[in-house]
């Protein structure tokens, strides 16, 4: 089971900051074999013998909207702590992300970059070899959204340069 809570504060029509925390109960994540045994997919051990702890992800970020007469360009950035479950604790991962986009009429385009890293992670996988690794992960996300059935205009620009959904 996972659950979380977050808060966002909109300082103006163009600037928002947010924060959230999320908990995952990894000890509840089990596989049941054909003969009814519950196994931890994280360690491969019987669920009752696995030493798996919950993890807490923490994220914070901000978004600035450049609002022009005919379009909107968002600029986003954030940082995060995102631990992964491991035998006897967790593997700590940290990172940051940034992104931008373009919204005009019914079309929205977004692109984002995420950098995620962890030091001495995955030690429990090959314990007998005293193995661990340092992870550096680069990911790019992109999306294009087209709103077919928009009941209202996606953005109405007012003379004061404010937008309203």
C-alpha atoms as a PDB file:
ATOM      1  CA  UNK A   1       0.000   0.000   0.000  1.00  0.00           C
ATOM      2  CA  UNK A   2       1.147   3.532  -0.753  1.00  0.00           C
ATOM      3  CA  UNK A   3      -0.204   6.856   0.408  1.00  0.00           C
ATOM      4  CA  UNK A   4       0.919  10.439   0.485  1.00  0.00           C
ATOM      5  CA  UNK A   5       0.015  14.037   1.023  1.00  0.00           C
ATOM      6  CA  UNK A   6       1.013  17.181  -0.764  1.00  0.00           C
ATOM      7  CA  UNK A   7       0.479  20.886  -0.734  1.00  0.00           C
ATOM      8  CA  UNK A   8       0.837  23.544  -3.399  1.00  0.00           C
ATOM      9  CA  UNK A   9       0.726  27.288  -3.000  1.00  0.00           C
ATOM     10  CA  UNK A  10      -0.036  29.590  -5.894  1.00  0.00           C
ATOM     11  CA  UNK A  11       1.642  32.945  -5.227  1.00  0.00           C
ATOM     12  CA  UNK A  12       0.183  34.448  -8.407  1.00  0.00           C
ATOM     13  CA  UNK A  13      -1.393  33.361 -11.683  1.00  0.00           C
ATOM     14  CA  UNK A  14       2.102  32.621 -12.954  1.00  0.00           C
ATOM     15  CA  UNK A  15       4.033  31.170  -9.965  1.00  0.00           C
ATOM     16  CA  UNK A  16       3.348  27.996  -7.910  1.00  0.00           C
ATOM     17  CA  UNK A  17       5.449  25.988  -5.440  1.00  0.00           C
ATOM     18  CA  UNK A  18       4.642  22.493  -4.195  1.00  0.00           C
ATOM     19  CA  UNK A  19       5.789  19.887  -1.684  1.00  0.00           C
ATOM     20  CA  UNK A  20       4.718  16.287  -1.116  1.00  0.00           C
ATOM     21  CA  UNK A  21       5.660  13.248   0.927  1.00  0.00           C
ATOM     22  CA  UNK A  22       4.732   9.695  -0.040  1.00  0.00           C
ATOM     23  CA  UNK A  23       5.074   6.439   1.926  1.00  0.00           C
ATOM     24  CA  UNK A  24       5.165   2.929   0.444  1.00  0.00           C
ATOM     25  CA  UNK A  25       4.662  -0.140   2.640  1.00  0.00           C
ATOM     26  CA  UNK A  26       7.052  -2.496   0.803  1.00  0.00           C
ATOM     27  CA  UNK A  27       6.683  -5.290   3.379  1.00  0.00           C
ATOM     28  CA  UNK A  28       3.106  -5.723   2.109  1.00  0.00           C
ATOM     29  CA  UNK A  29       4.363  -6.307  -1.453  1.00  0.00           C
ATOM     30  CA  UNK A  30       4.437 -10.122  -1.820  1.00  0.00           C
ATOM     31  CA  UNK A  31       4.058 -12.838  -4.427  1.00  0.00           C
ATOM     32  CA  UNK A  32       2.125 -15.997  -3.686  1.00  0.00           C
ATOM     33  CA  UNK A  33       3.481 -19.207  -5.188  1.00  0.00           C
ATOM     34  CA  UNK A  34       1.316 -22.047  -6.496  1.00  0.00           C
ATOM     35  CA  UNK A  35       1.730 -23.872  -3.182  1.00  0.00           C
ATOM     36  CA  UNK A  36       0.582 -20.800  -1.194  1.00  0.00           C
ATOM     37  CA  UNK A  37       3.935 -19.481   0.059  1.00  0.00           C
ATOM     38  CA  UNK A  38       4.290 -15.702   0.236  1.00  0.00           C
ATOM     39  CA  UNK A  39       7.622 -14.458  -1.118  1.00  0.00           C
ATOM     40  CA  UNK A  40       9.163 -11.007  -1.088  1.00  0.00           C
ATOM     41  CA  UNK A  41       9.992 -10.126  -4.736  1.00  0.00           C
ATOM     42  CA  UNK A  42      12.580  -7.665  -3.418  1.00  0.00           C
ATOM     43  CA  UNK A  43      14.739 -10.268  -1.634  1.00  0.00           C
ATOM     44  CA  UNK A  44      13.427 -13.584  -2.964  1.00  0.00           C
ATOM     45  CA  UNK A  45      13.004 -14.791   0.647  1.00  0.00           C
ATOM     46  CA  UNK A  46       9.829 -15.903   2.371  1.00  0.00           C
ATOM     47  CA  UNK A  47       7.842 -12.784   3.262  1.00  0.00           C
ATOM     48  CA  UNK A  48       7.996 -13.571   7.007  1.00  0.00           C
ATOM     49  CA  UNK A  49      11.818 -13.741   6.860  1.00  0.00           C
ATOM     50  CA  UNK A  50      12.435 -10.697   4.638  1.00  0.00           C
ATOM     51  CA  UNK A  51      13.718  -7.540   6.322  1.00  0.00           C
ATOM     52  CA  UNK A  52      11.968  -4.912   4.190  1.00  0.00           C
ATOM     53  CA  UNK A  53      11.114  -1.464   5.536  1.00  0.00           C
ATOM     54  CA  UNK A  54       8.737   1.217   4.272  1.00  0.00           C
ATOM     55  CA  UNK A  55      10.171   4.085   2.245  1.00  0.00           C
ATOM     56  CA  UNK A  56       9.327   7.790   2.281  1.00  0.00           C
ATOM     57  CA  UNK A  57       9.674   9.817  -0.912  1.00  0.00           C
ATOM     58  CA  UNK A  58       9.944  13.603  -0.579  1.00  0.00           C
ATOM     59  CA  UNK A  59       9.570  16.065  -3.457  1.00  0.00           C
ATOM     60  CA  UNK A  60       9.488  19.839  -3.828  1.00  0.00           C
ATOM     61  CA  UNK A  61       9.312  22.033  -6.888  1.00  0.00           C
ATOM     62  CA  UNK A  62       8.161  25.218  -8.536  1.00  0.00           C
ATOM     63  CA  UNK A  63       6.501  26.290 -11.772  1.00  0.00           C
ATOM     64  CA  UNK A  64       6.567  29.666 -13.468  1.00  0.00           C
ATOM     65  CA  UNK A  65       4.140  30.367 -16.336  1.00  0.00           C
ATOM     66  CA  UNK A  66       5.133  32.837 -19.018  1.00  0.00           C
ATOM     67  CA  UNK A  67       1.689  33.988 -20.112  1.00  0.00           C
ATOM     68  CA  UNK A  68       1.593  35.635 -23.520  1.00  0.00           C
ATOM     69  CA  UNK A  69      -1.413  36.831 -25.488  1.00  0.00           C
ATOM     70  CA  UNK A  70      -1.813  33.677 -27.588  1.00  0.00           C
ATOM     71  CA  UNK A  71       0.148  30.991 -25.696  1.00  0.00           C
ATOM     72  CA  UNK A  72       1.563  29.885 -22.331  1.00  0.00           C
ATOM     73  CA  UNK A  73       5.083  28.558 -21.694  1.00  0.00           C
ATOM     74  CA  UNK A  74       5.659  26.811 -18.335  1.00  0.00           C
ATOM     75  CA  UNK A  75       9.102  26.526 -16.712  1.00  0.00           C
ATOM     76  CA  UNK A  76       9.401  23.856 -13.993  1.00  0.00           C
ATOM     77  CA  UNK A  77      12.124  22.631 -11.640  1.00  0.00           C
ATOM     78  CA  UNK A  78      12.237  20.373  -8.607  1.00  0.00           C
ATOM     79  CA  UNK A  79      14.343  18.202  -6.337  1.00  0.00           C
ATOM     80  CA  UNK A  80      13.521  14.855  -4.734  1.00  0.00           C
ATOM     81  CA  UNK A  81      14.583  12.064  -2.397  1.00  0.00           C
ATOM     82  CA  UNK A  82      13.320   8.704  -3.696  1.00  0.00           C
ATOM     83  CA  UNK A  83      14.541   5.659  -1.731  1.00  0.00           C
ATOM     84  CA  UNK A  84      14.138   2.159  -3.161  1.00  0.00           C
ATOM     85  CA  UNK A  85      13.375  -0.885  -0.999  1.00  0.00           C
ATOM     86  CA  UNK A  86      16.314  -3.109  -0.082  1.00  0.00           C
ATOM     87  CA  UNK A  87      17.041  -5.972   2.281  1.00  0.00           C
ATOM     88  CA  UNK A  88      17.655  -4.517   5.736  1.00  0.00           C
ATOM     89  CA  UNK A  89      16.878  -0.904   4.822  1.00  0.00           C
ATOM     90  CA  UNK A  90      16.633   1.159   1.686  1.00  0.00           C
ATOM     91  CA  UNK A  91      18.813   2.374  -1.155  1.00  0.00           C
ATOM     92  CA  UNK A  92      18.897   6.161  -1.153  1.00  0.00           C
ATOM     93  CA  UNK A  93      18.317   7.964  -4.446  1.00  0.00           C
ATOM     94  CA  UNK A  94      18.329  11.728  -4.951  1.00  0.00           C
ATOM     95  CA  UNK A  95      17.681  13.869  -7.971  1.00  0.00           C
ATOM     96  CA  UNK A  96      16.372  16.907  -9.697  1.00  0.00           C
ATOM     97  CA  UNK A  97      14.165  17.623 -12.666  1.00  0.00           C
ATOM     98  CA  UNK A  98      13.455  20.547 -14.950  1.00  0.00           C
ATOM     99  CA  UNK A  99      11.116  21.047 -17.832  1.00  0.00           C
ATOM    100  CA  UNK A 100       9.194  23.356 -20.067  1.00  0.00           C
ATOM    101  CA  UNK A 101       6.383  23.234 -22.551  1.00  0.00           C
ATOM    102  CA  UNK A 102       4.137  25.153 -24.873  1.00  0.00           C
ATOM    103  CA  UNK A 103       0.351  25.520 -24.707  1.00  0.00           C
ATOM    104  CA  UNK A 104      -1.707  27.120 -27.432  1.00  0.00           C
ATOM    105  CA  UNK A 105      -5.409  26.522 -27.926  1.00  0.00           C
ATOM    106  CA  UNK A 106      -6.175  22.820 -27.636  1.00  0.00           C
ATOM    107  CA  UNK A 107      -2.547  21.652 -28.039  1.00  0.00           C
ATOM    108  CA  UNK A 108      -0.081  21.213 -25.192  1.00  0.00           C
ATOM    109  CA  UNK A 109       3.524  20.034 -25.572  1.00  0.00           C
ATOM    110  CA  UNK A 110       5.715  19.178 -22.572  1.00  0.00           C
ATOM    111  CA  UNK A 111       9.334  18.074 -22.227  1.00  0.00           C
ATOM    112  CA  UNK A 112      11.244  17.334 -19.029  1.00  0.00           C
ATOM    113  CA  UNK A 113      14.668  16.086 -17.942  1.00  0.00           C
ATOM    114  CA  UNK A 114      15.313  14.092 -14.762  1.00  0.00           C
ATOM    115  CA  UNK A 115      18.657  13.242 -13.169  1.00  0.00           C
ATOM    116  CA  UNK A 116      18.617  10.569 -10.456  1.00  0.00           C
ATOM    117  CA  UNK A 117      21.611   9.195  -8.569  1.00  0.00           C
ATOM    118  CA  UNK A 118      22.425   6.760  -5.781  1.00  0.00           C
ATOM    119  CA  UNK A 119      25.695   5.777  -4.072  1.00  0.00           C
ATOM    120  CA  UNK A 120      26.487   2.173  -3.074  1.00  0.00           C
ATOM    121  CA  UNK A 121      23.047   0.842  -4.021  1.00  0.00           C
ATOM    122  CA  UNK A 122      21.913  -2.756  -4.604  1.00  0.00           C
ATOM    123  CA  UNK A 123      24.374  -4.217  -2.062  1.00  0.00           C
ATOM    124  CA  UNK A 124      21.869  -6.919  -1.057  1.00  0.00           C
ATOM    125  CA  UNK A 125      21.651  -8.397  -4.572  1.00  0.00           C
ATOM    126  CA  UNK A 126      25.109 -10.024  -4.594  1.00  0.00           C
ATOM    127  CA  UNK A 127      26.099  -9.898  -0.917  1.00  0.00           C
ATOM    128  CA  UNK A 128      28.547 -12.811  -1.205  1.00  0.00           C
ATOM    129  CA  UNK A 129      30.624 -10.758  -3.694  1.00  0.00           C
ATOM    130  CA  UNK A 130      30.605  -7.538  -1.613  1.00  0.00           C
ATOM    131  CA  UNK A 131      28.932  -5.874  -4.595  1.00  0.00           C
ATOM    132  CA  UNK A 132      27.369  -2.445  -4.826  1.00  0.00           C
ATOM    133  CA  UNK A 133      27.049   0.147  -7.528  1.00  0.00           C
ATOM    134  CA  UNK A 134      26.806   3.882  -8.010  1.00  0.00           C
ATOM    135  CA  UNK A 135      23.876   4.813 -10.202  1.00  0.00           C
ATOM    136  CA  UNK A 136      23.587   7.847 -12.493  1.00  0.00           C
ATOM    137  CA  UNK A 137      20.322   7.942 -14.423  1.00  0.00           C
ATOM    138  CA  UNK A 138      19.304  10.487 -17.065  1.00  0.00           C
ATOM    139  CA  UNK A 139      15.720  10.437 -18.345  1.00  0.00           C
ATOM    140  CA  UNK A 140      13.864  12.637 -20.816  1.00  0.00           C
ATOM    141  CA  UNK A 141      10.067  12.720 -20.861  1.00  0.00           C
ATOM    142  CA  UNK A 142       7.962  14.298 -23.594  1.00  0.00           C
ATOM    143  CA  UNK A 143       4.251  14.487 -24.292  1.00  0.00           C
ATOM    144  CA  UNK A 144       1.825  16.045 -26.717  1.00  0.00           C
ATOM    145  CA  UNK A 145      -1.768  16.506 -25.636  1.00  0.00           C
ATOM    146  CA  UNK A 146      -4.658  17.493 -27.850  1.00  0.00           C
ATOM    147  CA  UNK A 147      -8.002  18.288 -26.226  1.00  0.00           C
ATOM    148  CA  UNK A 148     -10.730  17.047 -28.591  1.00  0.00           C
ATOM    149  CA  UNK A 149     -13.789  17.976 -26.556  1.00  0.00           C
ATOM    150  CA  UNK A 150     -12.948  21.156 -24.726  1.00  0.00           C
ATOM    151  CA  UNK A 151     -16.158  22.698 -23.387  1.00  0.00           C
ATOM    152  CA  UNK A 152     -14.443  26.005 -22.784  1.00  0.00           C
ATOM    153  CA  UNK A 153     -11.384  27.710 -24.180  1.00  0.00           C
ATOM    154  CA  UNK A 154      -8.265  26.218 -22.549  1.00  0.00           C
ATOM    155  CA  UNK A 155      -6.867  29.714 -21.804  1.00  0.00           C
ATOM    156  CA  UNK A 156      -8.574  33.068 -22.009  1.00  0.00           C
ATOM    157  CA  UNK A 157      -6.055  35.868 -21.926  1.00  0.00           C
ATOM    158  CA  UNK A 158      -7.213  39.095 -20.301  1.00  0.00           C
ATOM    159  CA  UNK A 159      -5.680  42.552 -20.816  1.00  0.00           C
ATOM    160  CA  UNK A 160      -4.036  42.267 -17.370  1.00  0.00           C
ATOM    161  CA  UNK A 161      -2.116  39.248 -18.723  1.00  0.00           C
ATOM    162  CA  UNK A 162      -3.943  36.794 -16.441  1.00  0.00           C
ATOM    163  CA  UNK A 163      -5.267  33.496 -17.688  1.00  0.00           C
ATOM    164  CA  UNK A 164      -8.352  31.633 -16.547  1.00  0.00           C
ATOM    165  CA  UNK A 165      -9.241  28.033 -17.212  1.00  0.00           C
END
